[in-house]
Amino acid sequence: RVGDFERWIISSMQASADECMVVEVYM
Protein backbone atom coordinates (compact mmCIF):
# COMPACT_ATOMS: atom_id res chain seq x y z
CA ARG A 1 0.00 0.00 0.00
CA VAL A 2 2.61 2.57 1.03
CA GLY A 3 6.13 1.14 0.67
CA ASP A 4 8.70 0.45 3.37
CA PHE A 5 10.25 2.01 6.46
CA GLU A 6 12.85 4.17 4.74
CA ARG A 7 10.22 5.80 2.55
CA TRP A 8 8.10 6.72 5.58
CA ILE A 9 11.09 8.01 7.53
CA ILE A 10 12.32 10.22 4.71
CA SER A 11 8.80 11.57 4.18
CA SER A 12 8.29 12.25 7.90
CA MET A 13 11.64 14.04 8.15
CA GLN A 14 10.56 16.17 5.17
CA ALA A 15 13.91 15.33 3.62
CA SER A 16 14.73 14.31 0.08
CA ALA A 17 15.85 10.81 -0.88
CA ASP A 18 19.19 12.07 -2.18
CA GLU A 19 20.00 13.43 1.31
CA CYS A 20 19.79 9.91 2.75
CA MET A 21 21.57 6.59 2.36
CA VAL A 22 19.97 3.29 3.33
CA VAL A 23 22.01 0.31 4.53
CA GLU A 24 20.11 -2.97 4.93
CA VAL A 25 22.16 -4.44 7.76
CA TYR A 26 19.74 -7.35 8.19
CA MET A 27 20.61 -8.35 4.61
mmCIF file of all heavy atoms, coordinates in Angstrom:
data_MODEL
# 
_entry.id   MODEL 
# 
loop_
_atom_site.group_PDB 
_atom_site.id 
_atom_site.type_symbol 
_atom_site.label_atom_id 
_atom_site.label_alt_id 
_atom_site.label_comp_id 
_atom_site.label_asym_id 
_atom_site.label_entity_id 
_atom_site.label_seq_id 
_atom_site.pdbx_PDB_ins_code 
_atom_site.Cartn_x 
_atom_site.Cartn_y 
_atom_site.Cartn_z 
_atom_site.occupancy 
_atom_site.B_iso_or_equiv 
_atom_site.pdbx_formal_charge 
_atom_site.auth_seq_id 
_atom_site.auth_comp_id 
_atom_site.auth_asym_id 
_atom_site.auth_atom_id 
_atom_site.pdbx_PDB_model_num 
ATOM 1   N N   . ARG A 1 1  ? 0.813  -1.223 0.000  1.00 0.00 ? 1  ARG A N   1 
ATOM 2   C CA  . ARG A 1 1  ? 0.000  0.000  0.000  1.00 0.00 ? 1  ARG A CA  1 
ATOM 3   C C   . ARG A 1 1  ? 0.847  1.274  0.000  1.00 0.00 ? 1  ARG A C   1 
ATOM 4   O O   . ARG A 1 1  ? 0.528  2.232  -0.713 1.00 0.00 ? 1  ARG A O   1 
ATOM 5   C CB  . ARG A 1 1  ? -0.929 0.008  1.224  1.00 0.00 ? 1  ARG A CB  1 
ATOM 6   C CG  . ARG A 1 1  ? -2.015 -1.061 1.187  1.00 0.00 ? 1  ARG A CG  1 
ATOM 7   C CD  . ARG A 1 1  ? -2.726 -1.168 2.531  1.00 0.00 ? 1  ARG A CD  1 
ATOM 8   N NE  . ARG A 1 1  ? -3.829 -2.131 2.498  1.00 0.00 ? 1  ARG A NE  1 
ATOM 9   C CZ  . ARG A 1 1  ? -4.508 -2.528 3.569  1.00 0.00 ? 1  ARG A CZ  1 
ATOM 10  N NH1 . ARG A 1 1  ? -4.212 -2.042 4.763  1.00 0.00 ? 1  ARG A NH1 1 
ATOM 11  N NH2 . ARG A 1 1  ? -5.483 -3.415 3.453  1.00 0.00 ? 1  ARG A NH2 1 
ATOM 12  N N   . VAL A 1 2  ? 1.898  1.300  0.828  1.00 0.00 ? 2  VAL A N   1 
ATOM 13  C CA  . VAL A 1 2  ? 2.613  2.567  1.031  1.00 0.00 ? 2  VAL A CA  1 
ATOM 14  C C   . VAL A 1 2  ? 4.130  2.430  1.077  1.00 0.00 ? 2  VAL A C   1 
ATOM 15  O O   . VAL A 1 2  ? 4.835  3.367  1.464  1.00 0.00 ? 2  VAL A O   1 
ATOM 16  C CB  . VAL A 1 2  ? 2.119  3.268  2.328  1.00 0.00 ? 2  VAL A CB  1 
ATOM 17  C CG1 . VAL A 1 2  ? 0.723  3.837  2.145  1.00 0.00 ? 2  VAL A CG1 1 
ATOM 18  C CG2 . VAL A 1 2  ? 2.159  2.317  3.527  1.00 0.00 ? 2  VAL A CG2 1 
ATOM 19  N N   . GLY A 1 3  ? 4.681  1.282  0.694  1.00 0.00 ? 3  GLY A N   1 
ATOM 20  C CA  . GLY A 1 3  ? 6.128  1.144  0.670  1.00 0.00 ? 3  GLY A CA  1 
ATOM 21  C C   . GLY A 1 3  ? 6.705  0.694  1.994  1.00 0.00 ? 3  GLY A C   1 
ATOM 22  O O   . GLY A 1 3  ? 6.014  0.110  2.831  1.00 0.00 ? 3  GLY A O   1 
ATOM 23  N N   . ASP A 1 4  ? 7.989  0.991  2.208  1.00 0.00 ? 4  ASP A N   1 
ATOM 24  C CA  . ASP A 1 4  ? 8.699  0.453  3.367  1.00 0.00 ? 4  ASP A CA  1 
ATOM 25  C C   . ASP A 1 4  ? 9.214  1.549  4.299  1.00 0.00 ? 4  ASP A C   1 
ATOM 26  O O   . ASP A 1 4  ? 9.069  2.736  4.026  1.00 0.00 ? 4  ASP A O   1 
ATOM 27  C CB  . ASP A 1 4  ? 9.854  -0.427 2.881  1.00 0.00 ? 4  ASP A CB  1 
ATOM 28  C CG  . ASP A 1 4  ? 10.136 -1.606 3.798  1.00 0.00 ? 4  ASP A CG  1 
ATOM 29  O OD1 . ASP A 1 4  ? 9.698  -1.580 4.971  1.00 0.00 ? 4  ASP A OD1 1 
ATOM 30  O OD2 . ASP A 1 4  ? 10.818 -2.551 3.360  1.00 0.00 ? 4  ASP A OD2 1 
ATOM 31  N N   . PHE A 1 5  ? 9.843  1.114  5.383  1.00 0.00 ? 5  PHE A N   1 
ATOM 32  C CA  . PHE A 1 5  ? 10.250 2.009  6.464  1.00 0.00 ? 5  PHE A CA  1 
ATOM 33  C C   . PHE A 1 5  ? 11.013 3.239  5.989  1.00 0.00 ? 5  PHE A C   1 
ATOM 34  O O   . PHE A 1 5  ? 10.732 4.361  6.428  1.00 0.00 ? 5  PHE A O   1 
ATOM 35  C CB  . PHE A 1 5  ? 11.145 1.261  7.462  1.00 0.00 ? 5  PHE A CB  1 
ATOM 36  C CG  . PHE A 1 5  ? 10.454 0.217  8.273  1.00 0.00 ? 5  PHE A CG  1 
ATOM 37  C CD1 . PHE A 1 5  ? 11.018 -1.046 8.402  1.00 0.00 ? 5  PHE A CD1 1 
ATOM 38  C CD2 . PHE A 1 5  ? 9.261  0.467  8.930  1.00 0.00 ? 5  PHE A CD2 1 
ATOM 39  C CE1 . PHE A 1 5  ? 10.404 -2.032 9.163  1.00 0.00 ? 5  PHE A CE1 1 
ATOM 40  C CE2 . PHE A 1 5  ? 8.631  -0.506 9.685  1.00 0.00 ? 5  PHE A CE2 1 
ATOM 41  C CZ  . PHE A 1 5  ? 9.209  -1.767 9.805  1.00 0.00 ? 5  PHE A CZ  1 
ATOM 42  N N   . GLU A 1 6  ? 12.005 3.029  5.117  1.00 0.00 ? 6  GLU A N   1 
ATOM 43  C CA  . GLU A 1 6  ? 12.852 4.167  4.741  1.00 0.00 ? 6  GLU A CA  1 
ATOM 44  C C   . GLU A 1 6  ? 12.045 5.250  4.023  1.00 0.00 ? 6  GLU A C   1 
ATOM 45  O O   . GLU A 1 6  ? 12.302 6.443  4.201  1.00 0.00 ? 6  GLU A O   1 
ATOM 46  C CB  . GLU A 1 6  ? 14.045 3.713  3.886  1.00 0.00 ? 6  GLU A CB  1 
ATOM 47  C CG  . GLU A 1 6  ? 13.700 3.138  2.525  1.00 0.00 ? 6  GLU A CG  1 
ATOM 48  C CD  . GLU A 1 6  ? 13.484 1.638  2.528  1.00 0.00 ? 6  GLU A CD  1 
ATOM 49  O OE1 . GLU A 1 6  ? 12.994 1.099  3.539  1.00 0.00 ? 6  GLU A OE1 1 
ATOM 50  O OE2 . GLU A 1 6  ? 13.807 1.010  1.495  1.00 0.00 ? 6  GLU A OE2 1 
ATOM 51  N N   . ARG A 1 7  ? 11.060 4.839  3.245  1.00 0.00 ? 7  ARG A N   1 
ATOM 52  C CA  . ARG A 1 7  ? 10.217 5.804  2.545  1.00 0.00 ? 7  ARG A CA  1 
ATOM 53  C C   . ARG A 1 7  ? 9.429  6.640  3.549  1.00 0.00 ? 7  ARG A C   1 
ATOM 54  O O   . ARG A 1 7  ? 9.321  7.868  3.409  1.00 0.00 ? 7  ARG A O   1 
ATOM 55  C CB  . ARG A 1 7  ? 9.269  5.069  1.604  1.00 0.00 ? 7  ARG A CB  1 
ATOM 56  C CG  . ARG A 1 7  ? 8.300  5.967  0.861  1.00 0.00 ? 7  ARG A CG  1 
ATOM 57  C CD  . ARG A 1 7  ? 7.450  5.160  -0.100 1.00 0.00 ? 7  ARG A CD  1 
ATOM 58  N NE  . ARG A 1 7  ? 6.425  5.980  -0.740 1.00 0.00 ? 7  ARG A NE  1 
ATOM 59  C CZ  . ARG A 1 7  ? 5.540  5.506  -1.607 1.00 0.00 ? 7  ARG A CZ  1 
ATOM 60  N NH1 . ARG A 1 7  ? 5.561  4.234  -1.955 1.00 0.00 ? 7  ARG A NH1 1 
ATOM 61  N NH2 . ARG A 1 7  ? 4.638  6.305  -2.138 1.00 0.00 ? 7  ARG A NH2 1 
ATOM 62  N N   . TRP A 1 8  ? 8.900  6.001  4.574  1.00 0.00 ? 8  TRP A N   1 
ATOM 63  C CA  . TRP A 1 8  ? 8.105  6.719  5.582  1.00 0.00 ? 8  TRP A CA  1 
ATOM 64  C C   . TRP A 1 8  ? 8.985  7.644  6.405  1.00 0.00 ? 8  TRP A C   1 
ATOM 65  O O   . TRP A 1 8  ? 8.569  8.759  6.748  1.00 0.00 ? 8  TRP A O   1 
ATOM 66  C CB  . TRP A 1 8  ? 7.403  5.729  6.509  1.00 0.00 ? 8  TRP A CB  1 
ATOM 67  C CG  . TRP A 1 8  ? 6.664  4.620  5.823  1.00 0.00 ? 8  TRP A CG  1 
ATOM 68  C CD1 . TRP A 1 8  ? 6.287  4.560  4.504  1.00 0.00 ? 8  TRP A CD1 1 
ATOM 69  C CD2 . TRP A 1 8  ? 6.230  3.393  6.401  1.00 0.00 ? 8  TRP A CD2 1 
ATOM 70  N NE1 . TRP A 1 8  ? 5.641  3.376  4.245  1.00 0.00 ? 8  TRP A NE1 1 
ATOM 71  C CE2 . TRP A 1 8  ? 5.593  2.634  5.384  1.00 0.00 ? 8  TRP A CE2 1 
ATOM 72  C CE3 . TRP A 1 8  ? 6.324  2.847  7.681  1.00 0.00 ? 8  TRP A CE3 1 
ATOM 73  C CZ2 . TRP A 1 8  ? 5.044  1.381  5.615  1.00 0.00 ? 8  TRP A CZ2 1 
ATOM 74  C CZ3 . TRP A 1 8  ? 5.785  1.600  7.924  1.00 0.00 ? 8  TRP A CZ3 1 
ATOM 75  C CH2 . TRP A 1 8  ? 5.139  0.874  6.898  1.00 0.00 ? 8  TRP A CH2 1 
ATOM 76  N N   . ILE A 1 9  ? 10.182 7.190  6.727  1.00 0.00 ? 9  ILE A N   1 
ATOM 77  C CA  . ILE A 1 9  ? 11.091 8.005  7.529  1.00 0.00 ? 9  ILE A CA  1 
ATOM 78  C C   . ILE A 1 9  ? 11.520 9.249  6.766  1.00 0.00 ? 9  ILE A C   1 
ATOM 79  O O   . ILE A 1 9  ? 11.488 10.369 7.299  1.00 0.00 ? 9  ILE A O   1 
ATOM 80  C CB  . ILE A 1 9  ? 12.310 7.166  7.954  1.00 0.00 ? 9  ILE A CB  1 
ATOM 81  C CG1 . ILE A 1 9  ? 11.894 6.139  9.011  1.00 0.00 ? 9  ILE A CG1 1 
ATOM 82  C CG2 . ILE A 1 9  ? 13.436 8.062  8.487  1.00 0.00 ? 9  ILE A CG2 1 
ATOM 83  C CD1 . ILE A 1 9  ? 12.941 5.083  9.296  1.00 0.00 ? 9  ILE A CD1 1 
ATOM 84  N N   . ILE A 1 10 ? 11.902 9.082  5.515  1.00 0.00 ? 10 ILE A N   1 
ATOM 85  C CA  . ILE A 1 10 ? 12.319 10.225 4.705  1.00 0.00 ? 10 ILE A CA  1 
ATOM 86  C C   . ILE A 1 10 ? 11.171 11.225 4.548  1.00 0.00 ? 10 ILE A C   1 
ATOM 87  O O   . ILE A 1 10 ? 11.360 12.446 4.666  1.00 0.00 ? 10 ILE A O   1 
ATOM 88  C CB  . ILE A 1 10 ? 12.826 9.754  3.328  1.00 0.00 ? 10 ILE A CB  1 
ATOM 89  C CG1 . ILE A 1 10 ? 14.132 8.976  3.505  1.00 0.00 ? 10 ILE A CG1 1 
ATOM 90  C CG2 . ILE A 1 10 ? 13.041 10.936 2.385  1.00 0.00 ? 10 ILE A CG2 1 
ATOM 91  C CD1 . ILE A 1 10 ? 14.580 8.224  2.267  1.00 0.00 ? 10 ILE A CD1 1 
ATOM 92  N N   . SER A 1 11 ? 9.968  10.700 4.313  1.00 0.00 ? 11 SER A N   1 
ATOM 93  C CA  . SER A 1 11 ? 8.798  11.566 4.181  1.00 0.00 ? 11 SER A CA  1 
ATOM 94  C C   . SER A 1 11 ? 8.516  12.315 5.482  1.00 0.00 ? 11 SER A C   1 
ATOM 95  O O   . SER A 1 11 ? 8.247  13.520 5.474  1.00 0.00 ? 11 SER A O   1 
ATOM 96  C CB  . SER A 1 11 ? 7.583  10.737 3.776  1.00 0.00 ? 11 SER A CB  1 
ATOM 97  O OG  . SER A 1 11 ? 6.414  11.527 3.753  1.00 0.00 ? 11 SER A OG  1 
ATOM 98  N N   . SER A 1 12 ? 8.577  11.617 6.615  1.00 0.00 ? 12 SER A N   1 
ATOM 99  C CA  . SER A 1 12 ? 8.294  12.245 7.904  1.00 0.00 ? 12 SER A CA  1 
ATOM 100 C C   . SER A 1 12 ? 9.343  13.295 8.264  1.00 0.00 ? 12 SER A C   1 
ATOM 101 O O   . SER A 1 12 ? 9.034  14.314 8.881  1.00 0.00 ? 12 SER A O   1 
ATOM 102 C CB  . SER A 1 12 ? 8.231  11.178 9.003  1.00 0.00 ? 12 SER A CB  1 
ATOM 103 O OG  . SER A 1 12 ? 7.192  10.264 8.764  1.00 0.00 ? 12 SER A OG  1 
ATOM 104 N N   . MET A 1 13 ? 10.590 13.046 7.895  1.00 0.00 ? 13 MET A N   1 
ATOM 105 C CA  . MET A 1 13 ? 11.639 14.044 8.151  1.00 0.00 ? 13 MET A CA  1 
ATOM 106 C C   . MET A 1 13 ? 11.478 15.267 7.267  1.00 0.00 ? 13 MET A C   1 
ATOM 107 O O   . MET A 1 13 ? 12.086 16.299 7.526  1.00 0.00 ? 13 MET A O   1 
ATOM 108 C CB  . MET A 1 13 ? 13.025 13.427 7.912  1.00 0.00 ? 13 MET A CB  1 
ATOM 109 C CG  . MET A 1 13 ? 13.475 12.438 8.952  1.00 0.00 ? 13 MET A CG  1 
ATOM 110 S SD  . MET A 1 13 ? 15.262 12.055 8.881  1.00 0.00 ? 13 MET A SD  1 
ATOM 111 C CE  . MET A 1 13 ? 15.416 11.392 7.214  1.00 0.00 ? 13 MET A CE  1 
ATOM 112 N N   . GLN A 1 14 ? 10.691 15.125 6.184  1.00 0.00 ? 14 GLN A N   1 
ATOM 113 C CA  . GLN A 1 14 ? 10.560 16.169 5.170  1.00 0.00 ? 14 GLN A CA  1 
ATOM 114 C C   . GLN A 1 14 ? 11.910 16.403 4.504  1.00 0.00 ? 14 GLN A C   1 
ATOM 115 O O   . GLN A 1 14 ? 12.294 17.540 4.194  1.00 0.00 ? 14 GLN A O   1 
ATOM 116 C CB  . GLN A 1 14 ? 9.987  17.448 5.775  1.00 0.00 ? 14 GLN A CB  1 
ATOM 117 C CG  . GLN A 1 14 ? 8.595  17.259 6.378  1.00 0.00 ? 14 GLN A CG  1 
ATOM 118 C CD  . GLN A 1 14 ? 8.062  18.514 7.035  1.00 0.00 ? 14 GLN A CD  1 
ATOM 119 O OE1 . GLN A 1 14 ? 8.382  19.626 6.644  1.00 0.00 ? 14 GLN A OE1 1 
ATOM 120 N NE2 . GLN A 1 14 ? 7.221  18.339 8.042  1.00 0.00 ? 14 GLN A NE2 1 
ATOM 121 N N   . ALA A 1 15 ? 12.624 15.312 4.305  1.00 0.00 ? 15 ALA A N   1 
ATOM 122 C CA  . ALA A 1 15 ? 13.914 15.333 3.619  1.00 0.00 ? 15 ALA A CA  1 
ATOM 123 C C   . ALA A 1 15 ? 13.723 14.831 2.200  1.00 0.00 ? 15 ALA A C   1 
ATOM 124 O O   . ALA A 1 15 ? 12.633 14.393 1.821  1.00 0.00 ? 15 ALA A O   1 
ATOM 125 C CB  . ALA A 1 15 ? 14.912 14.445 4.365  1.00 0.00 ? 15 ALA A CB  1 
ATOM 126 N N   . SER A 1 16 ? 14.756 14.884 1.421  1.00 0.00 ? 16 SER A N   1 
ATOM 127 C CA  . SER A 1 16 ? 14.728 14.306 0.078  1.00 0.00 ? 16 SER A CA  1 
ATOM 128 C C   . SER A 1 16 ? 15.524 13.007 0.081  1.00 0.00 ? 16 SER A C   1 
ATOM 129 O O   . SER A 1 16 ? 16.448 12.828 0.888  1.00 0.00 ? 16 SER A O   1 
ATOM 130 C CB  . SER A 1 16 ? 15.309 15.277 -0.951 1.00 0.00 ? 16 SER A CB  1 
ATOM 131 O OG  . SER A 1 16 ? 16.656 15.575 -0.650 1.00 0.00 ? 16 SER A OG  1 
ATOM 132 N N   . ALA A 1 17 ? 15.187 12.113 -0.835 1.00 0.00 ? 17 ALA A N   1 
ATOM 133 C CA  . ALA A 1 17 ? 15.847 10.808 -0.881 1.00 0.00 ? 17 ALA A CA  1 
ATOM 134 C C   . ALA A 1 17 ? 17.347 10.938 -1.114 1.00 0.00 ? 17 ALA A C   1 
ATOM 135 O O   . ALA A 1 17 ? 18.131 10.139 -0.586 1.00 0.00 ? 17 ALA A O   1 
ATOM 136 C CB  . ALA A 1 17 ? 15.213 9.943  -1.963 1.00 0.00 ? 17 ALA A CB  1 
ATOM 137 N N   . ASP A 1 18 ? 17.758 11.947 -1.887 1.00 0.00 ? 18 ASP A N   1 
ATOM 138 C CA  . ASP A 1 18 ? 19.191 12.073 -2.177 1.00 0.00 ? 18 ASP A CA  1 
ATOM 139 C C   . ASP A 1 18 ? 19.988 12.626 -0.993 1.00 0.00 ? 18 ASP A C   1 
ATOM 140 O O   . ASP A 1 18 ? 21.220 12.694 -1.049 1.00 0.00 ? 18 ASP A O   1 
ATOM 141 C CB  . ASP A 1 18 ? 19.429 12.910 -3.433 1.00 0.00 ? 18 ASP A CB  1 
ATOM 142 C CG  . ASP A 1 18 ? 18.880 14.322 -3.331 1.00 0.00 ? 18 ASP A CG  1 
ATOM 143 O OD1 . ASP A 1 18 ? 18.432 14.721 -2.234 1.00 0.00 ? 18 ASP A OD1 1 
ATOM 144 O OD2 . ASP A 1 18 ? 18.887 15.033 -4.346 1.00 0.00 ? 18 ASP A OD2 1 
ATOM 145 N N   . GLU A 1 19 ? 19.317 13.014 0.088  1.00 0.00 ? 19 GLU A N   1 
ATOM 146 C CA  . GLU A 1 19 ? 20.002 13.432 1.310  1.00 0.00 ? 19 GLU A CA  1 
ATOM 147 C C   . GLU A 1 19 ? 20.251 12.249 2.241  1.00 0.00 ? 19 GLU A C   1 
ATOM 148 O O   . GLU A 1 19 ? 20.888 12.409 3.292  1.00 0.00 ? 19 GLU A O   1 
ATOM 149 C CB  . GLU A 1 19 ? 19.177 14.478 2.065  1.00 0.00 ? 19 GLU A CB  1 
ATOM 150 C CG  . GLU A 1 19 ? 19.046 15.815 1.372  1.00 0.00 ? 19 GLU A CG  1 
ATOM 151 C CD  . GLU A 1 19 ? 18.165 16.759 2.153  1.00 0.00 ? 19 GLU A CD  1 
ATOM 152 O OE1 . GLU A 1 19 ? 16.956 16.494 2.278  1.00 0.00 ? 19 GLU A OE1 1 
ATOM 153 O OE2 . GLU A 1 19 ? 18.695 17.776 2.649  1.00 0.00 ? 19 GLU A OE2 1 
ATOM 154 N N   . CYS A 1 20 ? 19.738 11.076 1.870  1.00 0.00 ? 20 CYS A N   1 
ATOM 155 C CA  . CYS A 1 20 ? 19.788 9.914  2.750  1.00 0.00 ? 20 CYS A CA  1 
ATOM 156 C C   . CYS A 1 20 ? 20.458 8.736  2.061  1.00 0.00 ? 20 CYS A C   1 
ATOM 157 O O   . CYS A 1 20 ? 20.437 8.621  0.831  1.00 0.00 ? 20 CYS A O   1 
ATOM 158 C CB  . CYS A 1 20 ? 18.379 9.498  3.175  1.00 0.00 ? 20 CYS A CB  1 
ATOM 159 S SG  . CYS A 1 20 ? 17.436 10.811 3.991  1.00 0.00 ? 20 CYS A SG  1 
ATOM 160 N N   . MET A 1 21 ? 21.059 7.863  2.866  1.00 0.00 ? 21 MET A N   1 
ATOM 161 C CA  . MET A 1 21 ? 21.573 6.594  2.362  1.00 0.00 ? 21 MET A CA  1 
ATOM 162 C C   . MET A 1 21 ? 21.001 5.477  3.241  1.00 0.00 ? 21 MET A C   1 
ATOM 163 O O   . MET A 1 21 ? 20.901 5.626  4.452  1.00 0.00 ? 21 MET A O   1 
ATOM 164 C CB  . MET A 1 21 ? 23.097 6.560  2.358  1.00 0.00 ? 21 MET A CB  1 
ATOM 165 C CG  . MET A 1 21 ? 23.757 6.639  3.714  1.00 0.00 ? 21 MET A CG  1 
ATOM 166 S SD  . MET A 1 21 ? 25.590 6.572  3.635  1.00 0.00 ? 21 MET A SD  1 
ATOM 167 C CE  . MET A 1 21 ? 25.841 4.942  2.944  1.00 0.00 ? 21 MET A CE  1 
ATOM 168 N N   . VAL A 1 22 ? 20.595 4.404  2.612  1.00 0.00 ? 22 VAL A N   1 
ATOM 169 C CA  . VAL A 1 22 ? 19.973 3.289  3.326  1.00 0.00 ? 22 VAL A CA  1 
ATOM 170 C C   . VAL A 1 22 ? 20.916 2.094  3.284  1.00 0.00 ? 22 VAL A C   1 
ATOM 171 O O   . VAL A 1 22 ? 21.380 1.697  2.210  1.00 0.00 ? 22 VAL A O   1 
ATOM 172 C CB  . VAL A 1 22 ? 18.621 2.913  2.687  1.00 0.00 ? 22 VAL A CB  1 
ATOM 173 C CG1 . VAL A 1 22 ? 17.978 1.745  3.448  1.00 0.00 ? 22 VAL A CG1 1 
ATOM 174 C CG2 . VAL A 1 22 ? 17.683 4.121  2.658  1.00 0.00 ? 22 VAL A CG2 1 
ATOM 175 N N   . VAL A 1 23 ? 21.198 1.527  4.445  1.00 0.00 ? 23 VAL A N   1 
ATOM 176 C CA  . VAL A 1 23 ? 22.006 0.312  4.528  1.00 0.00 ? 23 VAL A CA  1 
ATOM 177 C C   . VAL A 1 23 ? 21.162 -0.779 5.178  1.00 0.00 ? 23 VAL A C   1 
ATOM 178 O O   . VAL A 1 23 ? 20.722 -0.633 6.324  1.00 0.00 ? 23 VAL A O   1 
ATOM 179 C CB  . VAL A 1 23 ? 23.301 0.526  5.330  1.00 0.00 ? 23 VAL A CB  1 
ATOM 180 C CG1 . VAL A 1 23 ? 24.063 -0.798 5.476  1.00 0.00 ? 23 VAL A CG1 1 
ATOM 181 C CG2 . VAL A 1 23 ? 24.182 1.569  4.652  1.00 0.00 ? 23 VAL A CG2 1 
ATOM 182 N N   . GLU A 1 24 ? 20.932 -1.852 4.437  1.00 0.00 ? 24 GLU A N   1 
ATOM 183 C CA  . GLU A 1 24 ? 20.114 -2.969 4.927  1.00 0.00 ? 24 GLU A CA  1 
ATOM 184 C C   . GLU A 1 24 ? 21.014 -3.933 5.703  1.00 0.00 ? 24 GLU A C   1 
ATOM 185 O O   . GLU A 1 24 ? 21.469 -4.956 5.191  1.00 0.00 ? 24 GLU A O   1 
ATOM 186 C CB  . GLU A 1 24 ? 19.428 -3.666 3.756  1.00 0.00 ? 24 GLU A CB  1 
ATOM 187 C CG  . GLU A 1 24 ? 18.446 -2.770 3.017  1.00 0.00 ? 24 GLU A CG  1 
ATOM 188 C CD  . GLU A 1 24 ? 17.728 -3.487 1.890  1.00 0.00 ? 24 GLU A CD  1 
ATOM 189 O OE1 . GLU A 1 24 ? 18.331 -4.375 1.246  1.00 0.00 ? 24 GLU A OE1 1 
ATOM 190 O OE2 . GLU A 1 24 ? 16.540 -3.156 1.653  1.00 0.00 ? 24 GLU A OE2 1 
ATOM 191 N N   . VAL A 1 25 ? 21.237 -3.621 6.965  1.00 0.00 ? 25 VAL A N   1 
ATOM 192 C CA  . VAL A 1 25 ? 22.159 -4.439 7.759  1.00 0.00 ? 25 VAL A CA  1 
ATOM 193 C C   . VAL A 1 25 ? 21.636 -5.858 7.952  1.00 0.00 ? 25 VAL A C   1 
ATOM 194 O O   . VAL A 1 25 ? 22.409 -6.813 8.044  1.00 0.00 ? 25 VAL A O   1 
ATOM 195 C CB  . VAL A 1 25 ? 22.455 -3.781 9.122  1.00 0.00 ? 25 VAL A CB  1 
ATOM 196 C CG1 . VAL A 1 25 ? 23.311 -2.541 8.951  1.00 0.00 ? 25 VAL A CG1 1 
ATOM 197 C CG2 . VAL A 1 25 ? 21.174 -3.467 9.889  1.00 0.00 ? 25 VAL A CG2 1 
ATOM 198 N N   . TYR A 1 26 ? 20.315 -6.012 7.997  1.00 0.00 ? 26 TYR A N   1 
ATOM 199 C CA  . TYR A 1 26 ? 19.736 -7.348 8.191  1.00 0.00 ? 26 TYR A CA  1 
ATOM 200 C C   . TYR A 1 26 ? 19.928 -8.228 6.957  1.00 0.00 ? 26 TYR A C   1 
ATOM 201 O O   . TYR A 1 26 ? 19.740 -9.454 7.034  1.00 0.00 ? 26 TYR A O   1 
ATOM 202 C CB  . TYR A 1 26 ? 18.245 -7.229 8.539  1.00 0.00 ? 26 TYR A CB  1 
ATOM 203 C CG  . TYR A 1 26 ? 17.339 -6.843 7.399  1.00 0.00 ? 26 TYR A CG  1 
ATOM 204 C CD1 . TYR A 1 26 ? 16.433 -7.746 6.847  1.00 0.00 ? 26 TYR A CD1 1 
ATOM 205 C CD2 . TYR A 1 26 ? 17.371 -5.550 6.866  1.00 0.00 ? 26 TYR A CD2 1 
ATOM 206 C CE1 . TYR A 1 26 ? 15.594 -7.388 5.807  1.00 0.00 ? 26 TYR A CE1 1 
ATOM 207 C CE2 . TYR A 1 26 ? 16.543 -5.186 5.837  1.00 0.00 ? 26 TYR A CE2 1 
ATOM 208 C CZ  . TYR A 1 26 ? 15.659 -6.103 5.309  1.00 0.00 ? 26 TYR A CZ  1 
ATOM 209 O OH  . TYR A 1 26 ? 14.821 -5.732 4.269  1.00 0.00 ? 26 TYR A OH  1 
ATOM 210 N N   . MET A 1 27 ? 20.317 -7.618 5.844  1.00 0.00 ? 27 MET A N   1 
ATOM 211 C CA  . MET A 1 27 ? 20.606 -8.353 4.614  1.00 0.00 ? 27 MET A CA  1 
ATOM 212 C C   . MET A 1 27 ? 22.118 -8.425 4.348  1.00 0.00 ? 27 MET A C   1 
ATOM 213 O O   . MET A 1 27 ? 22.543 -8.808 3.264  1.00 0.00 ? 27 MET A O   1 
ATOM 214 C CB  . MET A 1 27 ? 19.907 -7.685 3.428  1.00 0.00 ? 27 MET A CB  1 
ATOM 215 C CG  . MET A 1 27 ? 18.380 -7.715 3.511  1.00 0.00 ? 27 MET A CG  1 
ATOM 216 S SD  . MET A 1 27 ? 17.709 -9.390 3.381  1.00 0.00 ? 27 MET A SD  1 
ATOM 217 C CE  . MET A 1 27 ? 18.046 -9.739 1.651  1.00 0.00 ? 27 MET A CE  1 
# 
